PDB file of all heavy atoms in Angstrom:
ATOM      1  N   HIS A   1       0.834  -1.209   0.012  1.00  0.00           N
ATOM      2  CA  HIS A   1      -0.001   0.001   0.002  1.00  0.00           C
ATOM      3  C   HIS A   1       0.863   1.252   0.004  1.00  0.00           C
ATOM      4  O   HIS A   1       1.926   1.286   0.638  1.00  0.00           O
ATOM      5  CB  HIS A   1      -0.900  -0.010   1.248  1.00  0.00           C
ATOM      6  CG  HIS A   1      -2.034   0.951   1.190  1.00  0.00           C
ATOM      7  ND1 HIS A   1      -1.941   2.230   1.702  1.00  0.00           N
ATOM      8  CD2 HIS A   1      -3.284   0.845   0.669  1.00  0.00           C
ATOM      9  CE1 HIS A   1      -3.083   2.853   1.510  1.00  0.00           C
ATOM     10  NE2 HIS A   1      -3.925   2.040   0.901  1.00  0.00           N
ATOM     11  N   PRO A   2       0.428   2.327  -0.695  1.00  0.00           N
ATOM     12  CA  PRO A   2       1.221   3.560  -0.741  1.00  0.00           C
ATOM     13  C   PRO A   2       1.483   4.177   0.627  1.00  0.00           C
ATOM     14  O   PRO A   2       2.426   4.951   0.781  1.00  0.00           O
ATOM     15  CB  PRO A   2       0.359   4.492  -1.603  1.00  0.00           C
ATOM     16  CG  PRO A   2      -0.455   3.579  -2.462  1.00  0.00           C
ATOM     17  CD  PRO A   2      -0.751   2.398  -1.584  1.00  0.00           C
ATOM     18  N   SER A   3       0.660   3.860   1.629  1.00  0.00           N
ATOM     19  CA  SER A   3       0.869   4.423   2.967  1.00  0.00           C
ATOM     20  C   SER A   3       2.023   3.759   3.705  1.00  0.00           C
ATOM     21  O   SER A   3       2.444   4.236   4.768  1.00  0.00           O
ATOM     22  CB  SER A   3      -0.404   4.295   3.801  1.00  0.00           C
ATOM     23  OG  SER A   3      -0.733   2.930   4.029  1.00  0.00           O
ATOM     24  N   LEU A   4       2.557   2.668   3.168  1.00  0.00           N
ATOM     25  CA  LEU A   4       3.654   1.939   3.794  1.00  0.00           C
ATOM     26  C   LEU A   4       4.952   2.176   3.029  1.00  0.00           C
ATOM     27  O   LEU A   4       4.946   2.353   1.811  1.00  0.00           O
ATOM     28  CB  LEU A   4       3.362   0.435   3.820  1.00  0.00           C
ATOM     29  CG  LEU A   4       2.191  -0.040   4.675  1.00  0.00           C
ATOM     30  CD1 LEU A   4       1.923  -1.517   4.412  1.00  0.00           C
ATOM     31  CD2 LEU A   4       2.452   0.207   6.154  1.00  0.00           C
ATOM     32  N   THR A   5       6.064   2.158   3.748  1.00  0.00           N
ATOM     33  CA  THR A   5       7.346   2.135   3.082  1.00  0.00           C
ATOM     34  C   THR A   5       7.521   0.790   2.400  1.00  0.00           C
ATOM     35  O   THR A   5       6.904  -0.202   2.829  1.00  0.00           O
ATOM     36  CB  THR A   5       8.506   2.347   4.074  1.00  0.00           C
ATOM     37  OG1 THR A   5       8.538   1.220   4.976  1.00  0.00           O
ATOM     38  CG2 THR A   5       8.332   3.634   4.869  1.00  0.00           C
ATOM     39  N   PRO A   6       8.345   0.696   1.348  1.00  0.00           N
ATOM     40  CA  PRO A   6       8.536  -0.607   0.702  1.00  0.00           C
ATOM     41  C   PRO A   6       8.979  -1.693   1.664  1.00  0.00           C
ATOM     42  O   PRO A   6       8.479  -2.827   1.611  1.00  0.00           O
ATOM     43  CB  PRO A   6       9.614  -0.295  -0.345  1.00  0.00           C
ATOM     44  CG  PRO A   6       9.402   1.151  -0.671  1.00  0.00           C
ATOM     45  CD  PRO A   6       9.005   1.791   0.631  1.00  0.00           C
ATOM     46  N   ALA A   7       9.905  -1.369   2.580  1.00  0.00           N
ATOM     47  CA  ALA A   7      10.395  -2.391   3.539  1.00  0.00           C
ATOM     48  C   ALA A   7       9.259  -2.886   4.429  1.00  0.00           C
ATOM     49  O   ALA A   7       9.140  -4.084   4.692  1.00  0.00           O
ATOM     50  CB  ALA A   7      11.534  -1.828   4.371  1.00  0.00           C
ATOM     51  N   SER A   8       8.416  -1.967   4.907  1.00  0.00           N
ATOM     52  CA  SER A   8       7.307  -2.367   5.768  1.00  0.00           C
ATOM     53  C   SER A   8       6.263  -3.157   4.994  1.00  0.00           C
ATOM     54  O   SER A   8       5.693  -4.126   5.498  1.00  0.00           O
ATOM     55  CB  SER A   8       6.660  -1.127   6.390  1.00  0.00           C
ATOM     56  OG  SER A   8       7.547  -0.467   7.261  1.00  0.00           O
ATOM     57  N   ALA A   9       6.004  -2.748   3.750  1.00  0.00           N
ATOM     58  CA  ALA A   9       5.044  -3.476   2.920  1.00  0.00           C
ATOM     59  C   ALA A   9       5.490  -4.893   2.670  1.00  0.00           C
ATOM     60  O   ALA A   9       4.688  -5.832   2.734  1.00  0.00           O
ATOM     61  CB  ALA A   9       4.834  -2.742   1.595  1.00  0.00           C
ATOM     62  N   VAL A  10       6.773  -5.075   2.376  1.00  0.00           N
ATOM     63  CA  VAL A  10       7.294  -6.418   2.152  1.00  0.00           C
ATOM     64  C   VAL A  10       7.166  -7.264   3.403  1.00  0.00           C
ATOM     65  O   VAL A  10       6.711  -8.409   3.371  1.00  0.00           O
ATOM     66  CB  VAL A  10       8.776  -6.352   1.702  1.00  0.00           C
ATOM     67  CG1 VAL A  10       9.399  -7.748   1.698  1.00  0.00           C
ATOM     68  CG2 VAL A  10       8.870  -5.736   0.326  1.00  0.00           C
ATOM     69  N   ALA A  11       7.557  -6.710   4.552  1.00  0.00           N
ATOM     70  CA  ALA A  11       7.489  -7.454   5.806  1.00  0.00           C
ATOM     71  C   ALA A  11       6.060  -7.872   6.133  1.00  0.00           C
ATOM     72  O   ALA A  11       5.801  -9.010   6.522  1.00  0.00           O
ATOM     73  CB  ALA A  11       8.084  -6.619   6.942  1.00  0.00           C
ATOM     74  N   LEU A  12       5.122  -6.934   5.970  1.00  0.00           N
ATOM     75  CA  LEU A  12       3.711  -7.236   6.272  1.00  0.00           C
ATOM     76  C   LEU A  12       3.188  -8.328   5.350  1.00  0.00           C
ATOM     77  O   LEU A  12       2.490  -9.253   5.807  1.00  0.00           O
ATOM     78  CB  LEU A  12       2.866  -5.965   6.127  1.00  0.00           C
ATOM     79  CG  LEU A  12       1.364  -6.146   6.330  1.00  0.00           C
ATOM     80  CD1 LEU A  12       1.072  -6.583   7.758  1.00  0.00           C
ATOM     81  CD2 LEU A  12       0.630  -4.852   6.020  1.00  0.00           C
ATOM     82  N   THR A  13       3.500  -8.249   4.085  1.00  0.00           N
ATOM     83  CA  THR A  13       2.991  -9.242   3.123  1.00  0.00           C
ATOM     84  C   THR A  13       3.573 -10.618   3.403  1.00  0.00           C
ATOM     85  O   THR A  13       2.873 -11.633   3.347  1.00  0.00           O
ATOM     86  CB  THR A  13       3.316  -8.823   1.681  1.00  0.00           C
ATOM     87  OG1 THR A  13       2.999  -7.456   1.513  1.00  0.00           O
ATOM     88  CG2 THR A  13       2.521  -9.645   0.684  1.00  0.00           C
ATOM     89  N   LEU A  14       4.875 -10.666   3.678  1.00  0.00           N
ATOM     90  CA  LEU A  14       5.506 -11.947   3.974  1.00  0.00           C
ATOM     91  C   LEU A  14       4.868 -12.606   5.198  1.00  0.00           C
ATOM     92  O   LEU A  14       4.653 -13.820   5.232  1.00  0.00           O
ATOM     93  CB  LEU A  14       6.985 -11.759   4.216  1.00  0.00           C
ATOM     94  CG  LEU A  14       7.841 -11.400   2.993  1.00  0.00           C
ATOM     95  CD1 LEU A  14       9.253 -11.035   3.412  1.00  0.00           C
ATOM     96  CD2 LEU A  14       7.871 -12.534   1.988  1.00  0.00           C
ATOM     97  N   ARG A  15       4.521 -11.793   6.185  1.00  0.00           N
ATOM     98  CA  ARG A  15       3.951 -12.340   7.420  1.00  0.00           C
ATOM     99  C   ARG A  15       2.485 -12.709   7.253  1.00  0.00           C
ATOM    100  O   ARG A  15       2.055 -13.798   7.651  1.00  0.00           O
ATOM    101  CB  ARG A  15       4.087 -11.296   8.536  1.00  0.00           C
ATOM    102  CG  ARG A  15       3.572 -11.789   9.894  1.00  0.00           C
ATOM    103  CD  ARG A  15       4.486 -12.872  10.460  1.00  0.00           C
ATOM    104  NE  ARG A  15       3.944 -13.442  11.680  1.00  0.00           N
ATOM    105  CZ  ARG A  15       3.158 -14.510  11.717  1.00  0.00           C
ATOM    106  NH1 ARG A  15       2.849 -15.141  10.584  1.00  0.00           N
ATOM    107  NH2 ARG A  15       2.724 -14.979  12.864  1.00  0.00           N
ATOM    108  N   ALA A  16       1.705 -11.803   6.638  1.00  0.00           N
ATOM    109  CA  ALA A  16       0.257 -11.988   6.593  1.00  0.00           C
ATOM    110  C   ALA A  16      -0.202 -12.889   5.465  1.00  0.00           C
ATOM    111  O   ALA A  16      -1.149 -13.656   5.620  1.00  0.00           O
ATOM    112  CB  ALA A  16      -0.435 -10.634   6.487  1.00  0.00           C
ATOM    113  N   VAL A  17       0.435 -12.783   4.299  1.00  0.00           N
ATOM    114  CA  VAL A  17      -0.025 -13.530   3.125  1.00  0.00           C
ATOM    115  C   VAL A  17       0.950 -14.636   2.756  1.00  0.00           C
ATOM    116  O   VAL A  17       0.556 -15.732   2.365  1.00  0.00           O
ATOM    117  CB  VAL A  17      -0.219 -12.579   1.922  1.00  0.00           C
ATOM    118  CG1 VAL A  17      -0.844 -13.315   0.753  1.00  0.00           C
ATOM    119  CG2 VAL A  17      -1.092 -11.386   2.321  1.00  0.00           C
ATOM    120  N   GLY A  18       2.262 -14.343   2.860  1.00  0.00           N
ATOM    121  CA  GLY A  18       3.261 -15.325   2.453  1.00  0.00           C
ATOM    122  C   GLY A  18       3.421 -16.477   3.410  1.00  0.00           C
ATOM    123  O   GLY A  18       3.960 -17.528   3.041  1.00  0.00           O
ATOM    124  N   GLY A  19       2.991 -16.307   4.666  1.00  0.00           N
ATOM    125  CA  GLY A  19       3.044 -17.410   5.611  1.00  0.00           C
ATOM    126  C   GLY A  19       4.377 -17.576   6.316  1.00  0.00           C
ATOM    127  O   GLY A  19       4.585 -18.559   7.024  1.00  0.00           O
ATOM    128  N   LEU A  20       5.318 -16.625   6.166  1.00  0.00           N
ATOM    129  CA  LEU A  20       6.609 -16.742   6.821  1.00  0.00           C
ATOM    130  C   LEU A  20       6.512 -16.272   8.271  1.00  0.00           C
ATOM    131  O   LEU A  20       5.679 -15.425   8.618  1.00  0.00           O
ATOM    132  CB  LEU A  20       7.680 -15.909   6.089  1.00  0.00           C
ATOM    133  CG  LEU A  20       8.394 -16.597   4.927  1.00  0.00           C
ATOM    134  CD1 LEU A  20       7.414 -16.913   3.799  1.00  0.00           C
ATOM    135  CD2 LEU A  20       9.517 -15.713   4.406  1.00  0.00           C
ATOM    136  N   THR A  21       7.369 -16.825   9.112  1.00  0.00           N
ATOM    137  CA  THR A  21       7.404 -16.379  10.501  1.00  0.00           C
ATOM    138  C   THR A  21       8.232 -15.105  10.602  1.00  0.00           C
ATOM    139  O   THR A  21       9.012 -14.770   9.705  1.00  0.00           O
ATOM    140  CB  THR A  21       8.047 -17.452  11.388  1.00  0.00           C
ATOM    141  OG1 THR A  21       9.432 -17.606  11.017  1.00  0.00           O
ATOM    142  CG2 THR A  21       7.336 -18.783  11.261  1.00  0.00           C
ATOM    143  N   THR A  22       8.074 -14.395  11.713  1.00  0.00           N
ATOM    144  CA  THR A  22       8.865 -13.191  11.940  1.00  0.00           C
ATOM    145  C   THR A  22      10.351 -13.495  11.924  1.00  0.00           C
ATOM    146  O   THR A  22      11.176 -12.729  11.394  1.00  0.00           O
ATOM    147  CB  THR A  22       8.458 -12.534  13.278  1.00  0.00           C
ATOM    148  OG1 THR A  22       7.056 -12.268  13.266  1.00  0.00           O
ATOM    149  CG2 THR A  22       9.232 -11.248  13.516  1.00  0.00           C
ATOM    150  N   ARG A  23      10.731 -14.640  12.475  1.00  0.00           N
ATOM    151  CA  ARG A  23      12.137 -15.017  12.476  1.00  0.00           C
ATOM    152  C   ARG A  23      12.670 -15.233  11.058  1.00  0.00           C
ATOM    153  O   ARG A  23      13.777 -14.792  10.747  1.00  0.00           O
ATOM    154  CB  ARG A  23      12.328 -16.305  13.288  1.00  0.00           C
ATOM    155  CG  ARG A  23      13.764 -16.839  13.301  1.00  0.00           C
ATOM    156  CD  ARG A  23      13.907 -18.042  14.211  1.00  0.00           C
ATOM    157  NE  ARG A  23      13.639 -17.670  15.598  1.00  0.00           N
ATOM    158  CZ  ARG A  23      13.665 -18.528  16.603  1.00  0.00           C
ATOM    159  NH1 ARG A  23      13.944 -19.799  16.385  1.00  0.00           N
ATOM    160  NH2 ARG A  23      13.408 -18.117  17.836  1.00  0.00           N
ATOM    161  N   GLN A  24      11.919 -15.879  10.210  1.00  0.00           N
ATOM    162  CA  GLN A  24      12.359 -16.097   8.833  1.00  0.00           C
ATOM    163  C   GLN A  24      12.506 -14.773   8.081  1.00  0.00           C
ATOM    164  O   GLN A  24      13.454 -14.585   7.301  1.00  0.00           O
ATOM    165  CB  GLN A  24      11.350 -17.006   8.114  1.00  0.00           C
ATOM    166  CG  GLN A  24      11.377 -18.448   8.608  1.00  0.00           C
ATOM    167  CD  GLN A  24      10.180 -19.247   8.112  1.00  0.00           C
ATOM    168  OE1 GLN A  24       9.112 -18.699   7.893  1.00  0.00           O
ATOM    169  NE2 GLN A  24      10.365 -20.534   7.931  1.00  0.00           N
ATOM    170  N   ILE A  25      11.563 -13.852   8.296  1.00  0.00           N
ATOM    171  CA  ILE A  25      11.639 -12.563   7.622  1.00  0.00           C
ATOM    172  C   ILE A  25      12.842 -11.776   8.123  1.00  0.00           C
ATOM    173  O   ILE A  25      13.562 -11.146   7.343  1.00  0.00           O
ATOM    174  CB  ILE A  25      10.331 -11.769   7.857  1.00  0.00           C
ATOM    175  CG1 ILE A  25       9.126 -12.543   7.349  1.00  0.00           C
ATOM    176  CG2 ILE A  25      10.410 -10.415   7.151  1.00  0.00           C
ATOM    177  CD1 ILE A  25       7.791 -11.981   7.790  1.00  0.00           C
ATOM    178  N   ALA A  26      13.080 -11.813   9.433  1.00  0.00           N
ATOM    179  CA  ALA A  26      14.237 -11.111   9.987  1.00  0.00           C
ATOM    180  C   ALA A  26      15.541 -11.638   9.420  1.00  0.00           C
ATOM    181  O   ALA A  26      16.460 -10.884   9.115  1.00  0.00           O
ATOM    182  CB  ALA A  26      14.219 -11.255  11.518  1.00  0.00           C
ATOM    183  N   ARG A  27      15.614 -12.956   9.266  1.00  0.00           N
ATOM    184  CA  ARG A  27      16.830 -13.547   8.697  1.00  0.00           C
ATOM    185  C   ARG A  27      17.037 -13.099   7.263  1.00  0.00           C
ATOM    186  O   ARG A  27      18.163 -12.804   6.853  1.00  0.00           O
ATOM    187  CB  ARG A  27      16.729 -15.062   8.773  1.00  0.00           C
ATOM    188  CG  ARG A  27      18.059 -15.767   8.409  1.00  0.00           C
ATOM    189  CD  ARG A  27      17.969 -17.261   8.689  1.00  0.00           C
ATOM    190  NE  ARG A  27      17.076 -17.903   7.765  1.00  0.00           N
ATOM    191  CZ  ARG A  27      16.137 -18.795   8.111  1.00  0.00           C
ATOM    192  NH1 ARG A  27      15.983 -19.126   9.376  1.00  0.00           N
ATOM    193  NH2 ARG A  27      15.371 -19.353   7.206  1.00  0.00           N
ATOM    194  N   ALA A  28      15.961 -12.993   6.487  1.00  0.00           N
ATOM    195  CA  ALA A  28      16.076 -12.551   5.110  1.00  0.00           C
ATOM    196  C   ALA A  28      16.574 -11.113   5.022  1.00  0.00           C
ATOM    197  O   ALA A  28      17.289 -10.741   4.081  1.00  0.00           O
ATOM    198  CB  ALA A  28      14.731 -12.686   4.390  1.00  0.00           C
ATOM    199  N   TYR A  29      16.206 -10.288   6.002  1.00  0.00           N
ATOM    200  CA  TYR A  29      16.599  -8.875   6.004  1.00  0.00           C
ATOM    201  C   TYR A  29      17.876  -8.608   6.812  1.00  0.00           C
ATOM    202  O   TYR A  29      18.317  -7.467   6.922  1.00  0.00           O
ATOM    203  CB  TYR A  29      15.469  -8.021   6.571  1.00  0.00           C
ATOM    204  CG  TYR A  29      14.496  -7.548   5.529  1.00  0.00           C
ATOM    205  CD1 TYR A  29      13.366  -8.292   5.221  1.00  0.00           C
ATOM    206  CD2 TYR A  29      14.721  -6.374   4.829  1.00  0.00           C
ATOM    207  CE1 TYR A  29      12.471  -7.847   4.270  1.00  0.00           C
ATOM    208  CE2 TYR A  29      13.838  -5.939   3.860  1.00  0.00           C
ATOM    209  CZ  TYR A  29      12.710  -6.672   3.594  1.00  0.00           C
ATOM    210  OH  TYR A  29      11.836  -6.248   2.622  1.00  0.00           O
ATOM    211  N   LEU A  30      18.445  -9.639   7.398  1.00  0.00           N
ATOM    212  CA  LEU A  30      19.671  -9.518   8.182  1.00  0.00           C
ATOM    213  C   LEU A  30      19.490  -8.556   9.365  1.00  0.00           C
ATOM    214  O   LEU A  30      20.366  -7.730   9.678  1.00  0.00           O
ATOM    215  CB  LEU A  30      20.839  -9.034   7.304  1.00  0.00           C
ATOM    216  CG  LEU A  30      21.094  -9.792   6.004  1.00  0.00           C
ATOM    217  CD1 LEU A  30      22.296  -9.215   5.283  1.00  0.00           C
ATOM    218  CD2 LEU A  30      21.314 -11.282   6.280  1.00  0.00           C
ATOM    219  N   VAL A  31      18.328  -8.650  10.044  1.00  0.00           N
ATOM    220  CA  VAL A  31      18.079  -7.812  11.216  1.00  0.00           C
ATOM    221  C   VAL A  31      17.616  -8.703  12.368  1.00  0.00           C
ATOM    222  O   VAL A  31      17.154  -9.824  12.145  1.00  0.00           O
ATOM    223  CB  VAL A  31      17.004  -6.727  10.936  1.00  0.00           C
ATOM    224  CG1 VAL A  31      17.446  -5.801   9.828  1.00  0.00           C
ATOM    225  CG2 VAL A  31      15.654  -7.349  10.621  1.00  0.00           C
TER     226      VAL A  31
END
């Protein structure tokens, strides 16, 4: 969504729609 930064949009989609856990997303972003 335009109201989100690209990084936040990616994280939200991965968690809510992609089915990834927060830990998996964090590992992909190196944070």
